[in-house]
Amino acid sequence: MNLPARVLFCIGCAPVVLSAQNLKTTVTERYFNGVRRNLESAADAMPADKYGFKLTSGQMSFAEWLNHSTERNYSDCATLKGEPAPEAAGKVPGLKDKAEVSRALKDSFAYCAAALAGMDEQKAMASAPMTYSLLHIVVHNNEIYGNLAGYLRVNGIVPPSTAARMGKKGK
């Protein structure tokens, strides 16, 4: 889905989501916490020697997908906090090994959790960029997780969301 379509989708979904519950609570409890758990668990499940793995030569590596999530988390959540992205965001593109990539991803999700904790309904709906950033941390991270599920499966690892439904961990 291209960027304009995502924006329209996110903004179009807001009234539906709001009718059931407030936007911030729905995003946090139903979606953010789940995708955070899935991405962090995927980072943990993939062996360190597979962080450079690509499904095909033209695709991003497993580590690059995680770095992409990290960068977007910092960007979107800085918007939510009303501040520039933290200095840590600038170091993400150069990260390659499992320990540093996984740590950066987890730090970016902690940054987002803090941003969400500081949100209220009025702030969430204050502007299109604010609402977009709030919804984007869920939509975009789910897209990334969908890609990573294939990387895990090709390497014989059950994706965390499937493993949770099956009552098992990883392999």
C-alpha atoms as a PDB file:
ATOM      1  CA  MET A   1       0.000   0.000   0.000  1.00  0.00           C
ATOM      2  CA  ASN A   2       1.542   3.332  -0.992  1.00  0.00           C
ATOM      3  CA  LEU A   3       1.859   6.258   1.416  1.00  0.00           C
ATOM      4  CA  PRO A   4      -1.226   8.248   0.309  1.00  0.00           C
ATOM      5  CA  ALA A   5      -3.346   5.094   0.456  1.00  0.00           C
ATOM      6  CA  ARG A   6      -2.050   4.351   3.966  1.00  0.00           C
ATOM      7  CA  VAL A   7      -2.875   7.851   5.151  1.00  0.00           C
ATOM      8  CA  LEU A   8      -6.390   7.624   3.753  1.00  0.00           C
ATOM      9  CA  PHE A   9      -6.832   4.154   5.227  1.00  0.00           C
ATOM     10  CA  CYS A  10      -5.602   5.244   8.660  1.00  0.00           C
ATOM     11  CA  ILE A  11      -7.700   8.403   8.735  1.00  0.00           C
ATOM     12  CA  GLY A  12     -10.703   6.528   7.340  1.00  0.00           C
ATOM     13  CA  CYS A  13     -10.441   3.898  10.080  1.00  0.00           C
ATOM     14  CA  ALA A  14     -10.284   6.409  12.905  1.00  0.00           C
ATOM     15  CA  PRO A  15     -14.049   7.065  13.155  1.00  0.00           C
ATOM     16  CA  VAL A  16     -14.805   3.335  13.146  1.00  0.00           C
ATOM     17  CA  VAL A  17     -12.236   2.683  15.841  1.00  0.00           C
ATOM     18  CA  LEU A  18     -13.474   5.634  17.884  1.00  0.00           C
ATOM     19  CA  SER A  19     -17.039   4.370  17.889  1.00  0.00           C
ATOM     20  CA  ALA A  20     -15.993   1.299  19.858  1.00  0.00           C
ATOM     21  CA  GLN A  21     -13.369   2.825  22.135  1.00  0.00           C
ATOM     22  CA  ASN A  22     -11.026   5.779  22.147  1.00  0.00           C
ATOM     23  CA  LEU A  23      -8.310   5.722  19.511  1.00  0.00           C
ATOM     24  CA  LYS A  24      -5.277   5.812  21.792  1.00  0.00           C
ATOM     25  CA  THR A  25      -6.498   2.943  23.975  1.00  0.00           C
ATOM     26  CA  THR A  26      -7.437   0.830  20.970  1.00  0.00           C
ATOM     27  CA  VAL A  27      -4.103   1.401  19.259  1.00  0.00           C
ATOM     28  CA  THR A  28      -2.135   0.662  22.419  1.00  0.00           C
ATOM     29  CA  GLU A  29      -3.993  -2.266  23.925  1.00  0.00           C
ATOM     30  CA  ARG A  30      -5.251  -4.097  20.880  1.00  0.00           C
ATOM     31  CA  TYR A  31      -2.506  -3.492  18.357  1.00  0.00           C
ATOM     32  CA  PHE A  32       0.714  -1.820  19.527  1.00  0.00           C
ATOM     33  CA  ASN A  33       1.440  -4.225  22.372  1.00  0.00           C
ATOM     34  CA  GLY A  34       0.843  -7.234  20.100  1.00  0.00           C
ATOM     35  CA  VAL A  35       2.981  -6.105  17.193  1.00  0.00           C
ATOM     36  CA  ARG A  36       5.686  -5.003  19.620  1.00  0.00           C
ATOM     37  CA  ARG A  37       5.700  -8.465  21.192  1.00  0.00           C
ATOM     38  CA  ASN A  38       5.774 -10.135  17.764  1.00  0.00           C
ATOM     39  CA  LEU A  39       8.641  -8.062  16.369  1.00  0.00           C
ATOM     40  CA  GLU A  40      10.740  -8.269  19.522  1.00  0.00           C
ATOM     41  CA  SER A  41      10.159 -12.038  19.675  1.00  0.00           C
ATOM     42  CA  ALA A  42      11.031 -12.407  15.983  1.00  0.00           C
ATOM     43  CA  ALA A  43      14.286 -10.544  16.629  1.00  0.00           C
ATOM     44  CA  ASP A  44      15.041 -12.941  19.484  1.00  0.00           C
ATOM     45  CA  ALA A  45      14.033 -16.073  17.539  1.00  0.00           C
ATOM     46  CA  MET A  46      16.215 -15.527  14.477  1.00  0.00           C
ATOM     47  CA  PRO A  47      19.753 -16.891  14.985  1.00  0.00           C
ATOM     48  CA  ALA A  48      22.514 -14.297  14.904  1.00  0.00           C
ATOM     49  CA  ASP A  49      24.092 -15.834  11.798  1.00  0.00           C
ATOM     50  CA  LYS A  50      20.825 -15.287   9.886  1.00  0.00           C
ATOM     51  CA  TYR A  51      20.532 -11.532  10.476  1.00  0.00           C
ATOM     52  CA  GLY A  52      22.074 -10.936   7.042  1.00  0.00           C
ATOM     53  CA  PHE A  53      19.652 -13.415   5.413  1.00  0.00           C
ATOM     54  CA  LYS A  54      17.566 -12.212   2.448  1.00  0.00           C
ATOM     55  CA  LEU A  55      14.747 -14.146   0.789  1.00  0.00           C
ATOM     56  CA  THR A  56      16.109 -12.936  -2.575  1.00  0.00           C
ATOM     57  CA  SER A  57      19.090 -10.783  -3.455  1.00  0.00           C
ATOM     58  CA  GLY A  58      16.908  -7.737  -4.157  1.00  0.00           C
ATOM     59  CA  GLN A  59      15.241  -7.694  -0.751  1.00  0.00           C
ATOM     60  CA  MET A  60      16.264  -6.268   2.593  1.00  0.00           C
ATOM     61  CA  SER A  61      18.007  -8.554   5.038  1.00  0.00           C
ATOM     62  CA  PHE A  62      16.319  -9.617   8.252  1.00  0.00           C
ATOM     63  CA  ALA A  63      18.406  -7.029  10.141  1.00  0.00           C
ATOM     64  CA  GLU A  64      17.540  -4.299   7.632  1.00  0.00           C
ATOM     65  CA  TRP A  65      13.806  -4.954   8.147  1.00  0.00           C
ATOM     66  CA  LEU A  66      14.241  -4.607  11.894  1.00  0.00           C
ATOM     67  CA  ASN A  67      16.300  -1.443  11.417  1.00  0.00           C
ATOM     68  CA  HIS A  68      13.556  -0.058   9.186  1.00  0.00           C
ATOM     69  CA  SER A  69      11.020  -0.663  11.950  1.00  0.00           C
ATOM     70  CA  THR A  70      13.326   0.975  14.477  1.00  0.00           C
ATOM     71  CA  GLU A  71      13.843   4.073  12.334  1.00  0.00           C
ATOM     72  CA  ARG A  72      10.116   4.512  11.700  1.00  0.00           C
ATOM     73  CA  ASN A  73       9.304   3.956  15.382  1.00  0.00           C
ATOM     74  CA  TYR A  74      11.648   6.771  16.336  1.00  0.00           C
ATOM     75  CA  SER A  75      10.290   9.041  13.608  1.00  0.00           C
ATOM     76  CA  ASP A  76       6.598   8.434  14.296  1.00  0.00           C
ATOM     77  CA  CYS A  77       6.907   8.438  18.060  1.00  0.00           C
ATOM     78  CA  ALA A  78       8.985  11.635  18.032  1.00  0.00           C
ATOM     79  CA  THR A  79       5.995  13.200  16.261  1.00  0.00           C
ATOM     80  CA  LEU A  80       3.732  11.879  19.015  1.00  0.00           C
ATOM     81  CA  LYS A  81       6.039  13.350  21.634  1.00  0.00           C
ATOM     82  CA  GLY A  82       6.370  16.654  19.759  1.00  0.00           C
ATOM     83  CA  GLU A  83      10.148  16.473  19.623  1.00  0.00           C
ATOM     84  CA  PRO A  84      12.923  15.643  17.157  1.00  0.00           C
ATOM     85  CA  ALA A  85      13.845  11.981  16.854  1.00  0.00           C
ATOM     86  CA  PRO A  86      16.355  10.966  19.526  1.00  0.00           C
ATOM     87  CA  GLU A  87      20.051  10.758  18.731  1.00  0.00           C
ATOM     88  CA  ALA A  88      19.870   6.945  18.815  1.00  0.00           C
ATOM     89  CA  ALA A  89      17.801   7.017  15.599  1.00  0.00           C
ATOM     90  CA  GLY A  90      20.779   8.291  13.614  1.00  0.00           C
ATOM     91  CA  LYS A  91      22.864   5.229  14.484  1.00  0.00           C
ATOM     92  CA  VAL A  92      20.322   2.652  13.305  1.00  0.00           C
ATOM     93  CA  PRO A  93      21.237   2.368   9.592  1.00  0.00           C
ATOM     94  CA  GLY A  94      24.727   1.086  10.443  1.00  0.00           C
ATOM     95  CA  LEU A  95      23.594  -1.667  12.811  1.00  0.00           C
ATOM     96  CA  LYS A  96      24.137  -5.223  11.578  1.00  0.00           C
ATOM     97  CA  ASP A  97      24.629  -7.799  14.328  1.00  0.00           C
ATOM     98  CA  LYS A  98      21.834  -9.392  16.303  1.00  0.00           C
ATOM     99  CA  ALA A  99      22.662  -7.900  19.698  1.00  0.00           C
ATOM    100  CA  GLU A 100      22.782  -4.292  18.500  1.00  0.00           C
ATOM    101  CA  VAL A 101      19.855  -4.555  16.049  1.00  0.00           C
ATOM    102  CA  SER A 102      17.636  -6.284  18.615  1.00  0.00           C
ATOM    103  CA  ARG A 103      18.583  -3.813  21.364  1.00  0.00           C
ATOM    104  CA  ALA A 104      17.853  -0.831  19.107  1.00  0.00           C
ATOM    105  CA  LEU A 105      14.466  -2.278  18.123  1.00  0.00           C
ATOM    106  CA  LYS A 106      13.512  -2.830  21.766  1.00  0.00           C
ATOM    107  CA  ASP A 107      14.706   0.651  22.700  1.00  0.00           C
ATOM    108  CA  SER A 108      12.598   2.160  19.911  1.00  0.00           C
ATOM    109  CA  PHE A 109       9.520   0.302  21.140  1.00  0.00           C
ATOM    110  CA  ALA A 110      10.184   1.513  24.685  1.00  0.00           C
ATOM    111  CA  TYR A 111      10.409   5.061  23.289  1.00  0.00           C
ATOM    112  CA  CYS A 112       7.058   4.540  21.556  1.00  0.00           C
ATOM    113  CA  ALA A 113       5.474   3.086  24.696  1.00  0.00           C
ATOM    114  CA  ALA A 114       6.516   6.241  26.559  1.00  0.00           C
ATOM    115  CA  ALA A 115       5.076   8.388  23.765  1.00  0.00           C
ATOM    116  CA  LEU A 116       1.788   6.494  23.936  1.00  0.00           C
ATOM    117  CA  ALA A 117       1.678   6.834  27.715  1.00  0.00           C
ATOM    118  CA  GLY A 118       1.842  10.600  27.258  1.00  0.00           C
ATOM    119  CA  MET A 119      -1.037  10.650  24.780  1.00  0.00           C
ATOM    120  CA  ASP A 120      -4.666  11.403  25.380  1.00  0.00           C
ATOM    121  CA  GLU A 121      -7.587  11.346  22.972  1.00  0.00           C
ATOM    122  CA  GLN A 122      -7.424  15.076  22.274  1.00  0.00           C
ATOM    123  CA  LYS A 123      -3.723  14.930  21.401  1.00  0.00           C
ATOM    124  CA  ALA A 124      -4.226  11.806  19.269  1.00  0.00           C
ATOM    125  CA  MET A 125      -6.804  13.610  17.152  1.00  0.00           C
ATOM    126  CA  ALA A 126      -5.134  17.050  17.187  1.00  0.00           C
ATOM    127  CA  SER A 127      -3.859  16.876  13.613  1.00  0.00           C
ATOM    128  CA  ALA A 128      -3.632  14.546  10.653  1.00  0.00           C
ATOM    129  CA  PRO A 129       0.134  14.020  11.167  1.00  0.00           C
ATOM    130  CA  MET A 130      -0.475  13.127  14.817  1.00  0.00           C
ATOM    131  CA  THR A 131      -3.250  10.644  13.996  1.00  0.00           C
ATOM    132  CA  TYR A 132      -1.224   9.244  11.103  1.00  0.00           C
ATOM    133  CA  SER A 133       1.838   8.693  13.317  1.00  0.00           C
ATOM    134  CA  LEU A 134      -0.264   7.006  15.972  1.00  0.00           C
ATOM    135  CA  LEU A 135      -1.845   4.595  13.510  1.00  0.00           C
ATOM    136  CA  HIS A 136       1.331   4.184  11.455  1.00  0.00           C
ATOM    137  CA  ILE A 137       3.291   2.616  14.323  1.00  0.00           C
ATOM    138  CA  VAL A 138       0.789  -0.225  14.213  1.00  0.00           C
ATOM    139  CA  VAL A 139       0.043  -0.516  10.488  1.00  0.00           C
ATOM    140  CA  HIS A 140       3.651  -0.235   9.356  1.00  0.00           C
ATOM    141  CA  ASN A 141       5.037  -2.568  12.003  1.00  0.00           C
ATOM    142  CA  ASN A 142       2.430  -5.188  11.108  1.00  0.00           C
ATOM    143  CA  GLU A 143       3.530  -4.940   7.470  1.00  0.00           C
ATOM    144  CA  ILE A 144       7.134  -5.455   8.550  1.00  0.00           C
ATOM    145  CA  TYR A 145       6.187  -8.394  10.748  1.00  0.00           C
ATOM    146  CA  GLY A 146       4.325  -9.953   7.819  1.00  0.00           C
ATOM    147  CA  ASN A 147       7.533  -9.831   5.792  1.00  0.00           C
ATOM    148  CA  LEU A 148       9.637 -11.206   8.618  1.00  0.00           C
ATOM    149  CA  ALA A 149       7.292 -14.157   9.124  1.00  0.00           C
ATOM    150  CA  GLY A 150       8.443 -15.434   5.721  1.00  0.00           C
ATOM    151  CA  TYR A 151      12.102 -15.002   6.668  1.00  0.00           C
ATOM    152  CA  LEU A 152      11.522 -16.986   9.857  1.00  0.00           C
ATOM    153  CA  ARG A 153       9.571 -19.785   8.155  1.00  0.00           C
ATOM    154  CA  VAL A 154      12.175 -20.260   5.414  1.00  0.00           C
ATOM    155  CA  ASN A 155      14.704 -20.746   8.206  1.00  0.00           C
ATOM    156  CA  GLY A 156      12.559 -23.353   9.970  1.00  0.00           C
ATOM    157  CA  ILE A 157      11.302 -21.022  12.711  1.00  0.00           C
ATOM    158  CA  VAL A 158       7.623 -20.716  13.593  1.00  0.00           C
ATOM    159  CA  PRO A 159       6.741 -16.997  13.723  1.00  0.00           C
ATOM    160  CA  PRO A 160       5.958 -15.767  17.258  1.00  0.00           C
ATOM    161  CA  SER A 161       2.305 -14.983  16.514  1.00  0.00           C
ATOM    162  CA  THR A 162       1.730 -18.526  15.238  1.00  0.00           C
ATOM    163  CA  ALA A 163       3.744 -20.047  18.065  1.00  0.00           C
ATOM    164  CA  ALA A 164       1.625 -18.139  20.602  1.00  0.00           C
ATOM    165  CA  ARG A 165      -1.592 -19.469  19.060  1.00  0.00           C
ATOM    166  CA  MET A 166      -0.150 -22.974  19.070  1.00  0.00           C
ATOM    167  CA  GLY A 167       1.047 -22.644  22.656  1.00  0.00           C
ATOM    168  CA  LYS A 168       4.730 -23.040  21.833  1.00  0.00           C
ATOM    169  CA  LYS A 169       7.828 -20.935  21.421  1.00  0.00           C
ATOM    170  CA  GLY A 170       9.948 -20.466  18.294  1.00  0.00           C
ATOM    171  CA  LYS A 171      11.031 -23.674  16.551  1.00  0.00           C
END
